Amino acid sequence: TRVAGFQAWRTMGRFVRKGEKGIAIMAPIIGRREAEPDGTN
């Protein structure tokens, strides 16, 4: 019903029980592109 990562649950005062199996999802890997002509990454 409500899912969140391990650390997100900790910030809400809840803790994942020992031995619980996580639900796998796909998370993006964020990187930086080379400097653009305007000097920003």
All heavy atoms as atom14 arrays in JSON, in Angstrom:
{
  "sequence": "TRVAGFQAWRTMGRFVRKGEKGIAIMAPIIGRREAEPDGTN",
  "atom14_mask": [
    [1, 1, 1, 1, 1, 1, 1, 0, 0, 0, 0, 0, 0, 0],
    [1, 1, 1, 1, 1, 1, 1, 1, 1, 1, 1, 0, 0, 0],
    [1, 1, 1, 1, 1, 1, 1, 0, 0, 0, 0, 0, 0, 0],
    [1, 1, 1, 1, 1, 0, 0, 0, 0, 0, 0, 0, 0, 0],
    [1, 1, 1, 1, 0, 0, 0, 0, 0, 0, 0, 0, 0, 0],
    [1, 1, 1, 1, 1, 1, 1, 1, 1, 1, 1, 0, 0, 0],
    [1, 1, 1, 1, 1, 1, 1, 1, 1, 0, 0, 0, 0, 0],
    [1, 1, 1, 1, 1, 0, 0, 0, 0, 0, 0, 0, 0, 0],
    [1, 1, 1, 1, 1, 1, 1, 1, 1, 1, 1, 1, 1, 1],
    [1, 1, 1, 1, 1, 1, 1, 1, 1, 1, 1, 0, 0, 0],
    [1, 1, 1, 1, 1, 1, 1, 0, 0, 0, 0, 0, 0, 0],
    [1, 1, 1, 1, 1, 1, 1, 1, 0, 0, 0, 0, 0, 0],
    [1, 1, 1, 1, 0, 0, 0, 0, 0, 0, 0, 0, 0, 0],
    [1, 1, 1, 1, 1, 1, 1, 1, 1, 1, 1, 0, 0, 0],
    [1, 1, 1, 1, 1, 1, 1, 1, 1, 1, 1, 0, 0, 0],
    [1, 1, 1, 1, 1, 1, 1, 0, 0, 0, 0, 0, 0, 0],
    [1, 1, 1, 1, 1, 1, 1, 1, 1, 1, 1, 0, 0, 0],
    [1, 1, 1, 1, 1, 1, 1, 1, 1, 0, 0, 0, 0, 0],
    [1, 1, 1, 1, 0, 0, 0, 0, 0, 0, 0, 0, 0, 0],
    [1, 1, 1, 1, 1, 1, 1, 1, 1, 0, 0, 0, 0, 0],
    [1, 1, 1, 1, 1, 1, 1, 1, 1, 0, 0, 0, 0, 0],
    [1, 1, 1, 1, 0, 0, 0, 0, 0, 0, 0, 0, 0, 0],
    [1, 1, 1, 1, 1, 1, 1, 1, 0, 0, 0, 0, 0, 0],
    [1, 1, 1, 1, 1, 0, 0, 0, 0, 0, 0, 0, 0, 0],
    [1, 1, 1, 1, 1, 1, 1, 1, 0, 0, 0, 0, 0, 0],
    [1, 1, 1, 1, 1, 1, 1, 1, 0, 0, 0, 0, 0, 0],
    [1, 1, 1, 1, 1, 0, 0, 0, 0, 0, 0, 0, 0, 0],
    [1, 1, 1, 1, 1, 1, 1, 0, 0, 0, 0, 0, 0, 0],
    [1, 1, 1, 1, 1, 1, 1, 1, 0, 0, 0, 0, 0, 0],
    [1, 1, 1, 1, 1, 1, 1, 1, 0, 0, 0, 0, 0, 0],
    [1, 1, 1, 1, 0, 0, 0, 0, 0, 0, 0, 0, 0, 0],
    [1, 1, 1, 1, 1, 1, 1, 1, 1, 1, 1, 0, 0, 0],
    [1, 1, 1, 1, 1, 1, 1, 1, 1, 1, 1, 0, 0, 0],
    [1, 1, 1, 1, 1, 1, 1, 1, 1, 0, 0, 0, 0, 0],
    [1, 1, 1, 1, 1, 0, 0, 0, 0, 0, 0, 0, 0, 0],
    [1, 1, 1, 1, 1, 1, 1, 1, 1, 0, 0, 0, 0, 0],
    [1, 1, 1, 1, 1, 1, 1, 0, 0, 0, 0, 0, 0, 0],
    [1, 1, 1, 1, 1, 1, 1, 1, 0, 0, 0, 0, 0, 0],
    [1, 1, 1, 1, 0, 0, 0, 0, 0, 0, 0, 0, 0, 0],
    [1, 1, 1, 1, 1, 1, 1, 0, 0, 0, 0, 0, 0, 0],
    [1, 1, 1, 1, 1, 1, 1, 1, 0, 0, 0, 0, 0, 0]
  ],
  "atom14_positions": [
    [[0.82, -1.21, 0.0], [0.0, 0.0, 0.0], [0.85, 1.26, 0.0], [0.64, 2.15, -0.8], [-0.94, 0.03, 1.22], [-0.16, -0.11, 2.4], [-1.99, -1.07, 1.13], [0.0, 0.0, 0.0], [0.0, 0.0, 0.0], [0.0, 0.0, 0.0], [0.0, 0.0, 0.0], [0.0, 0.0, 0.0], [0.0, 0.0, 0.0], [0.0, 0.0, 0.0]],
    [[1.81, 1.33, 0.92], [2.72, 2.47, 1.0], [4.14, 1.92, 1.04], [4.48, 1.17, 1.94], [2.47, 3.29, 2.27], [1.13, 3.95, 2.3], [1.01, 4.73, 3.59], [-0.31, 5.31, 3.71], [-0.72, 5.96, 4.78], [0.08, 6.14, 5.81], [-1.93, 6.47, 4.83], [0.0, 0.0, 0.0], [0.0, 0.0, 0.0], [0.0, 0.0, 0.0]],
    [[4.93, 2.29, 0.06], [6.3, 1.8, 0.02], [7.28, 2.96, 0.06], [6.99, 4.05, -0.43], [6.58, 0.91, -1.22], [5.72, -0.32, -1.21], [6.39, 1.68, -2.5], [0.0, 0.0, 0.0], [0.0, 0.0, 0.0], [0.0, 0.0, 0.0], [0.0, 0.0, 0.0], [0.0, 0.0, 0.0], [0.0, 0.0, 0.0], [0.0, 0.0, 0.0]],
    [[8.43, 2.7, 0.68], [9.5, 3.7, 0.75], [10.8, 2.95, 0.99], [10.79, 1.78, 1.39], [9.24, 4.7, 1.88], [0.0, 0.0, 0.0], [0.0, 0.0, 0.0], [0.0, 0.0, 0.0], [0.0, 0.0, 0.0], [0.0, 0.0, 0.0], [0.0, 0.0, 0.0], [0.0, 0.0, 0.0], [0.0, 0.0, 0.0], [0.0, 0.0, 0.0]],
    [[11.9, 3.63, 0.77], [13.21, 3.05, 1.0], [13.53, 2.97, 2.48], [12.86, 3.55, 3.33], [0.0, 0.0, 0.0], [0.0, 0.0, 0.0], [0.0, 0.0, 0.0], [0.0, 0.0, 0.0], [0.0, 0.0, 0.0], [0.0, 0.0, 0.0], [0.0, 0.0, 0.0], [0.0, 0.0, 0.0], [0.0, 0.0, 0.0], [0.0, 0.0, 0.0]],
    [[14.6, 2.23, 2.78], [15.03, 2.0, 4.15], [15.23, 3.32, 4.9], [14.71, 3.5, 6.0], [16.33, 1.18, 4.13], [16.8, 0.75, 5.47], [16.29, -0.41, 6.04], [17.74, 1.48, 6.17], [16.72, -0.83, 7.3], [18.17, 1.07, 7.42], [17.66, -0.08, 7.98], [0.0, 0.0, 0.0], [0.0, 0.0, 0.0], [0.0, 0.0, 0.0]],
    [[15.98, 4.25, 4.31], [16.26, 5.52, 4.98], [15.01, 6.39, 5.1], [14.83, 7.1, 6.09], [17.36, 6.29, 4.24], [18.72, 5.61, 4.32], [19.23, 5.48, 5.75], [18.97, 6.32, 6.61], [19.94, 4.4, 6.02], [0.0, 0.0, 0.0], [0.0, 0.0, 0.0], [0.0, 0.0, 0.0], [0.0, 0.0, 0.0], [0.0, 0.0, 0.0]],
    [[14.14, 6.34, 4.1], [12.9, 7.13, 4.16], [12.05, 6.68, 5.34], [11.46, 7.51, 6.05], [12.11, 7.01, 2.86], [0.0, 0.0, 0.0], [0.0, 0.0, 0.0], [0.0, 0.0, 0.0], [0.0, 0.0, 0.0], [0.0, 0.0, 0.0], [0.0, 0.0, 0.0], [0.0, 0.0, 0.0], [0.0, 0.0, 0.0], [0.0, 0.0, 0.0]],
    [[11.97, 5.37, 5.57], [11.21, 4.87, 6.72], [11.83, 5.36, 8.02], [11.12, 5.71, 8.96], [11.12, 3.34, 6.71], [10.12, 2.8, 5.74], [10.35, 1.94, 4.72], [8.71, 3.09, 5.69], [9.19, 1.67, 4.03], [8.17, 2.36, 4.62], [7.87, 3.89, 6.46], [6.82, 2.42, 4.29], [6.52, 3.94, 6.12], [6.01, 3.21, 5.06]],
    [[13.15, 5.4, 8.08], [13.82, 5.86, 9.31], [13.47, 7.31, 9.6], [13.28, 7.68, 10.76], [15.33, 5.69, 9.18], [15.73, 4.23, 9.29], [17.2, 4.05, 9.37], [17.69, 4.72, 10.57], [18.96, 4.85, 10.87], [19.87, 4.35, 10.09], [19.34, 5.48, 11.97], [0.0, 0.0, 0.0], [0.0, 0.0, 0.0], [0.0, 0.0, 0.0]],
    [[13.39, 8.15, 8.56], [13.06, 9.56, 8.79], [11.63, 9.73, 9.29], [11.31, 10.76, 9.87], [13.26, 10.42, 7.52], [12.33, 10.0, 6.51], [14.69, 10.33, 7.0], [0.0, 0.0, 0.0], [0.0, 0.0, 0.0], [0.0, 0.0, 0.0], [0.0, 0.0, 0.0], [0.0, 0.0, 0.0], [0.0, 0.0, 0.0], [0.0, 0.0, 0.0]],
    [[10.78, 8.73, 9.06], [9.39, 8.79, 9.53], [9.21, 8.08, 10.87], [8.09, 7.87, 11.32], [8.47, 8.18, 8.48], [8.33, 9.03, 7.24], [7.15, 8.34, 6.08], [8.25, 7.6, 4.9], [0.0, 0.0, 0.0], [0.0, 0.0, 0.0], [0.0, 0.0, 0.0], [0.0, 0.0, 0.0], [0.0, 0.0, 0.0], [0.0, 0.0, 0.0]],
    [[10.33, 7.7, 11.5], [10.24, 7.05, 12.8], [9.85, 5.59, 12.73], [9.37, 5.03, 13.72], [0.0, 0.0, 0.0], [0.0, 0.0, 0.0], [0.0, 0.0, 0.0], [0.0, 0.0, 0.0], [0.0, 0.0, 0.0], [0.0, 0.0, 0.0], [0.0, 0.0, 0.0], [0.0, 0.0, 0.0], [0.0, 0.0, 0.0], [0.0, 0.0, 0.0]],
    [[10.03, 4.97, 11.57], [9.7, 3.56, 11.42], [10.95, 2.82, 10.99], [11.86, 3.39, 10.4], [8.58, 3.36, 10.39], [7.27, 4.03, 10.84], [6.11, 3.64, 9.97], [5.76, 2.24, 10.05], [4.98, 1.7, 10.98], [4.51, 2.42, 11.96], [4.69, 0.41, 10.93], [0.0, 0.0, 0.0], [0.0, 0.0, 0.0], [0.0, 0.0, 0.0]],
    [[11.0, 1.53, 11.3], [12.18, 0.73, 11.03], [11.78, -0.56, 10.33], [10.81, -1.21, 10.73], [12.93, 0.43, 12.32], [13.3, 1.7, 13.05], [12.44, 2.24, 14.01], [14.45, 2.38, 12.74], [12.76, 3.42, 14.66], [14.78, 3.56, 13.38], [13.93, 4.09, 14.34], [0.0, 0.0, 0.0], [0.0, 0.0, 0.0], [0.0, 0.0, 0.0]],
    [[12.53, -0.93, 9.3], [12.28, -2.18, 8.59], [12.67, -3.33, 9.51], [13.75, -3.33, 10.09], [13.08, -2.22, 7.27], [12.88, -3.56, 6.56], [12.67, -1.07, 6.36], [0.0, 0.0, 0.0], [0.0, 0.0, 0.0], [0.0, 0.0, 0.0], [0.0, 0.0, 0.0], [0.0, 0.0, 0.0], [0.0, 0.0, 0.0], [0.0, 0.0, 0.0]],
    [[11.76, -4.3, 9.66], [12.03, -5.45, 10.51], [13.18, -6.29, 9.95], [13.31, -6.43, 8.73], [10.78, -6.33, 10.66], [9.71, -5.7, 11.52], [8.61, -6.69, 11.85], [7.85, -7.09, 10.67], [6.73, -6.49, 10.28], [6.22, -5.49, 10.96], [6.09, -6.9, 9.2], [0.0, 0.0, 0.0], [0.0, 0.0, 0.0], [0.0, 0.0, 0.0]],
    [[13.98, -6.83, 10.83], [15.11, -7.66, 10.44], [14.62, -8.87, 9.65], [13.62, -9.51, 10.02], [15.87, -8.12, 11.68], [17.14, -8.85, 11.37], [17.92, -9.15, 12.63], [19.22, -9.84, 12.25], [20.09, -10.0, 13.41], [0.0, 0.0, 0.0], [0.0, 0.0, 0.0], [0.0, 0.0, 0.0], [0.0, 0.0, 0.0], [0.0, 0.0, 0.0]],
    [[15.28, -9.15, 8.54], [14.94, -10.31, 7.72], [13.9, -10.05, 6.64], [13.61, -10.94, 5.85], [0.0, 0.0, 0.0], [0.0, 0.0, 0.0], [0.0, 0.0, 0.0], [0.0, 0.0, 0.0], [0.0, 0.0, 0.0], [0.0, 0.0, 0.0], [0.0, 0.0, 0.0], [0.0, 0.0, 0.0], [0.0, 0.0, 0.0], [0.0, 0.0, 0.0]],
    [[13.33, -8.86, 6.6], [12.32, -8.55, 5.58], [12.99, -8.46, 4.21], [14.09, -7.92, 4.08], [11.61, -7.24, 5.88], [10.66, -7.31, 7.05], [9.41, -8.14, 6.79], [9.12, -8.49, 5.61], [8.7, -8.42, 7.76], [0.0, 0.0, 0.0], [0.0, 0.0, 0.0], [0.0, 0.0, 0.0], [0.0, 0.0, 0.0], [0.0, 0.0, 0.0]],
    [[12.33, -8.97, 3.2], [12.84, -8.96, 1.83], [12.36, -7.69, 1.14], [11.16, -7.39, 1.14], [12.36, -10.2, 1.08], [12.89, -10.3, -0.31], [12.37, -11.54, -1.01], [12.84, -11.55, -2.45], [12.18, -12.6, -3.22], [0.0, 0.0, 0.0], [0.0, 0.0, 0.0], [0.0, 0.0, 0.0], [0.0, 0.0, 0.0], [0.0, 0.0, 0.0]],
    [[13.28, -6.95, 0.53], [12.92, -5.72, -0.16], [12.22, -5.98, -1.48], [12.32, -7.07, -2.06], [0.0, 0.0, 0.0], [0.0, 0.0, 0.0], [0.0, 0.0, 0.0], [0.0, 0.0, 0.0], [0.0, 0.0, 0.0], [0.0, 0.0, 0.0], [0.0, 0.0, 0.0], [0.0, 0.0, 0.0], [0.0, 0.0, 0.0], [0.0, 0.0, 0.0]],
    [[11.51, -4.98, -1.95], [10.83, -5.02, -3.24], [11.73, -4.27, -4.21], [12.0, -3.08, -4.03], [9.45, -4.33, -3.14], [8.59, -5.01, -2.07], [8.76, -4.35, -4.49], [7.37, -4.2, -1.67], [0.0, 0.0, 0.0], [0.0, 0.0, 0.0], [0.0, 0.0, 0.0], [0.0, 0.0, 0.0], [0.0, 0.0, 0.0], [0.0, 0.0, 0.0]],
    [[12.2, -4.96, -5.25], [13.14, -4.36, -6.2], [12.42, -3.43, -7.17], [11.37, -3.77, -7.72], [13.87, -5.45, -6.98], [0.0, 0.0, 0.0], [0.0, 0.0, 0.0], [0.0, 0.0, 0.0], [0.0, 0.0, 0.0], [0.0, 0.0, 0.0], [0.0, 0.0, 0.0], [0.0, 0.0, 0.0], [0.0, 0.0, 0.0], [0.0, 0.0, 0.0]],
    [[12.98, -2.25, -7.35], [12.51, -1.3, -8.35], [13.72, -0.8, -9.12], [14.86, -1.09, -8.76], [11.74, -0.11, -7.73], [12.65, 0.7, -6.79], [10.49, -0.58, -7.01], [12.06, 2.01, -6.34], [0.0, 0.0, 0.0], [0.0, 0.0, 0.0], [0.0, 0.0, 0.0], [0.0, 0.0, 0.0], [0.0, 0.0, 0.0], [0.0, 0.0, 0.0]],
    [[13.49, -0.04, -10.18], [14.57, 0.54, -10.96], [14.72, 2.01, -10.56], [13.76, 2.78, -10.66], [14.28, 0.43, -12.46], [14.17, -1.0, -12.95], [15.6, -2.01, -12.61], [16.81, -1.25, -13.63], [0.0, 0.0, 0.0], [0.0, 0.0, 0.0], [0.0, 0.0, 0.0], [0.0, 0.0, 0.0], [0.0, 0.0, 0.0], [0.0, 0.0, 0.0]],
    [[15.93, 2.37, -10.11], [16.21, 3.75, -9.7], [17.17, 4.39, -10.7], [18.12, 3.73, -11.15], [16.81, 3.77, -8.3], [0.0, 0.0, 0.0], [0.0, 0.0, 0.0], [0.0, 0.0, 0.0], [0.0, 0.0, 0.0], [0.0, 0.0, 0.0], [0.0, 0.0, 0.0], [0.0, 0.0, 0.0], [0.0, 0.0, 0.0], [0.0, 0.0, 0.0]],
    [[16.95, 5.64, -11.05], [17.84, 6.29, -12.01], [19.22, 6.59, -11.41], [19.34, 6.87, -10.23], [17.11, 7.58, -12.37], [16.25, 7.85, -11.2], [15.87, 6.51, -10.62], [0.0, 0.0, 0.0], [0.0, 0.0, 0.0], [0.0, 0.0, 0.0], [0.0, 0.0, 0.0], [0.0, 0.0, 0.0], [0.0, 0.0, 0.0], [0.0, 0.0, 0.0]],
    [[20.22, 6.51, -12.25], [21.57, 6.93, -11.88], [21.75, 8.3, -12.51], [21.67, 8.45, -13.73], [22.64, 5.95, -12.4], [22.4, 4.57, -11.82], [24.04, 6.47, -12.08], [23.26, 3.48, -12.46], [0.0, 0.0, 0.0], [0.0, 0.0, 0.0], [0.0, 0.0, 0.0], [0.0, 0.0, 0.0], [0.0, 0.0, 0.0], [0.0, 0.0, 0.0]],
    [[21.96, 9.31, -11.68], [22.08, 10.68, -12.16], [23.56, 11.03, -12.29], [24.35, 10.79, -11.39], [21.41, 11.68, -11.19], [19.96, 11.27, -10.9], [21.48, 13.1, -11.72], [19.05, 11.32, -12.09], [0.0, 0.0, 0.0], [0.0, 0.0, 0.0], [0.0, 0.0, 0.0], [0.0, 0.0, 0.0], [0.0, 0.0, 0.0], [0.0, 0.0, 0.0]],
    [[23.93, 11.58, -13.44], [25.31, 12.0, -13.67], [25.33, 13.4, -14.25], [24.3, 13.99, -14.56], [0.0, 0.0, 0.0], [0.0, 0.0, 0.0], [0.0, 0.0, 0.0], [0.0, 0.0, 0.0], [0.0, 0.0, 0.0], [0.0, 0.0, 0.0], [0.0, 0.0, 0.0], [0.0, 0.0, 0.0], [0.0, 0.0, 0.0], [0.0, 0.0, 0.0]],
    [[26.52, 13.91, -14.43], [26.69, 15.24, -15.01], [27.18, 15.11, -16.43], [28.06, 14.33, -16.72], [27.69, 16.06, -14.2], [27.2, 16.37, -12.81], [28.02, 17.5, -12.23], [27.66, 17.78, -10.87], [26.67, 18.58, -10.52], [25.95, 19.18, -11.42], [26.39, 18.78, -9.24], [0.0, 0.0, 0.0], [0.0, 0.0, 0.0], [0.0, 0.0, 0.0]],
    [[26.58, 15.9, -17.31], [27.07, 15.99, -18.68], [28.26, 16.92, -18.7], [28.45, 17.74, -17.8], [25.99, 16.54, -19.6], [25.03, 15.46, -20.08], [24.18, 16.01, -21.17], [23.0, 16.59, -20.5], [22.2, 17.47, -21.04], [22.42, 17.94, -22.22], [21.17, 17.92, -20.37], [0.0, 0.0, 0.0], [0.0, 0.0, 0.0], [0.0, 0.0, 0.0]],
    [[29.04, 16.79, -19.74], [30.17, 17.71, -19.91], [29.65, 19.14, -19.93], [28.48, 19.39, -20.21], [30.89, 17.4, -21.21], [31.54, 16.03, -21.23], [32.61, 15.87, -20.15], [33.39, 16.81, -19.94], [32.62, 14.81, -19.52], [0.0, 0.0, 0.0], [0.0, 0.0, 0.0], [0.0, 0.0, 0.0], [0.0, 0.0, 0.0], [0.0, 0.0, 0.0]],
    [[30.52, 20.06, -19.65], [30.13, 21.48, -19.58], [29.44, 21.9, -20.88], [29.91, 21.63, -21.97], [31.36, 22.35, -19.34], [0.0, 0.0, 0.0], [0.0, 0.0, 0.0], [0.0, 0.0, 0.0], [0.0, 0.0, 0.0], [0.0, 0.0, 0.0], [0.0, 0.0, 0.0], [0.0, 0.0, 0.0], [0.0, 0.0, 0.0], [0.0, 0.0, 0.0]],
    [[28.32, 22.54, -20.7], [27.57, 23.08, -21.83], [28.27, 24.35, -22.32], [29.1, 24.92, -21.62], [26.14, 23.39, -21.39], [25.35, 22.17, -20.94], [25.02, 21.22, -22.06], [24.73, 21.68, -23.18], [25.09, 20.0, -21.83], [0.0, 0.0, 0.0], [0.0, 0.0, 0.0], [0.0, 0.0, 0.0], [0.0, 0.0, 0.0], [0.0, 0.0, 0.0]],
    [[27.92, 24.82, -23.52], [28.54, 26.05, -24.02], [28.38, 27.24, -23.08], [29.24, 28.11, -23.03], [27.81, 26.3, -25.34], [27.3, 24.97, -25.76], [27.03, 24.21, -24.5], [0.0, 0.0, 0.0], [0.0, 0.0, 0.0], [0.0, 0.0, 0.0], [0.0, 0.0, 0.0], [0.0, 0.0, 0.0], [0.0, 0.0, 0.0], [0.0, 0.0, 0.0]],
    [[27.3, 27.26, -22.3], [27.1, 28.39, -21.38], [27.84, 28.2, -20.06], [27.71, 29.0, -19.14], [25.61, 28.65, -21.14], [24.92, 27.45, -20.49], [25.57, 26.43, -20.26], [23.71, 27.57, -20.23], [0.0, 0.0, 0.0], [0.0, 0.0, 0.0], [0.0, 0.0, 0.0], [0.0, 0.0, 0.0], [0.0, 0.0, 0.0], [0.0, 0.0, 0.0]],
    [[28.62, 27.11, -19.93], [29.45, 26.91, -18.74], [28.78, 26.15, -17.61], [29.36, 26.02, -16.54], [0.0, 0.0, 0.0], [0.0, 0.0, 0.0], [0.0, 0.0, 0.0], [0.0, 0.0, 0.0], [0.0, 0.0, 0.0], [0.0, 0.0, 0.0], [0.0, 0.0, 0.0], [0.0, 0.0, 0.0], [0.0, 0.0, 0.0], [0.0, 0.0, 0.0]],
    [[27.57, 25.64, -17.82], [26.89, 24.9, -16.76], [27.09, 23.4, -16.95], [27.28, 22.93, -18.07], [25.39, 25.2, -16.75], [24.83, 24.78, -18.0], [25.12, 26.67, -16.52], [0.0, 0.0, 0.0], [0.0, 0.0, 0.0], [0.0, 0.0, 0.0], [0.0, 0.0, 0.0], [0.0, 0.0, 0.0], [0.0, 0.0, 0.0], [0.0, 0.0, 0.0]],
    [[27.05, 22.67, -15.87], [27.09, 21.21, -15.93], [25.67, 20.72, -15.68], [25.15, 20.84, -14.58], [28.03, 20.63, -14.87], [29.47, 20.82, -15.23], [29.81, 20.91, -16.41], [30.34, 20.88, -14.24], [0.0, 0.0, 0.0], [0.0, 0.0, 0.0], [0.0, 0.0, 0.0], [0.0, 0.0, 0.0], [0.0, 0.0, 0.0], [0.0, 0.0, 0.0]]
  ]
}
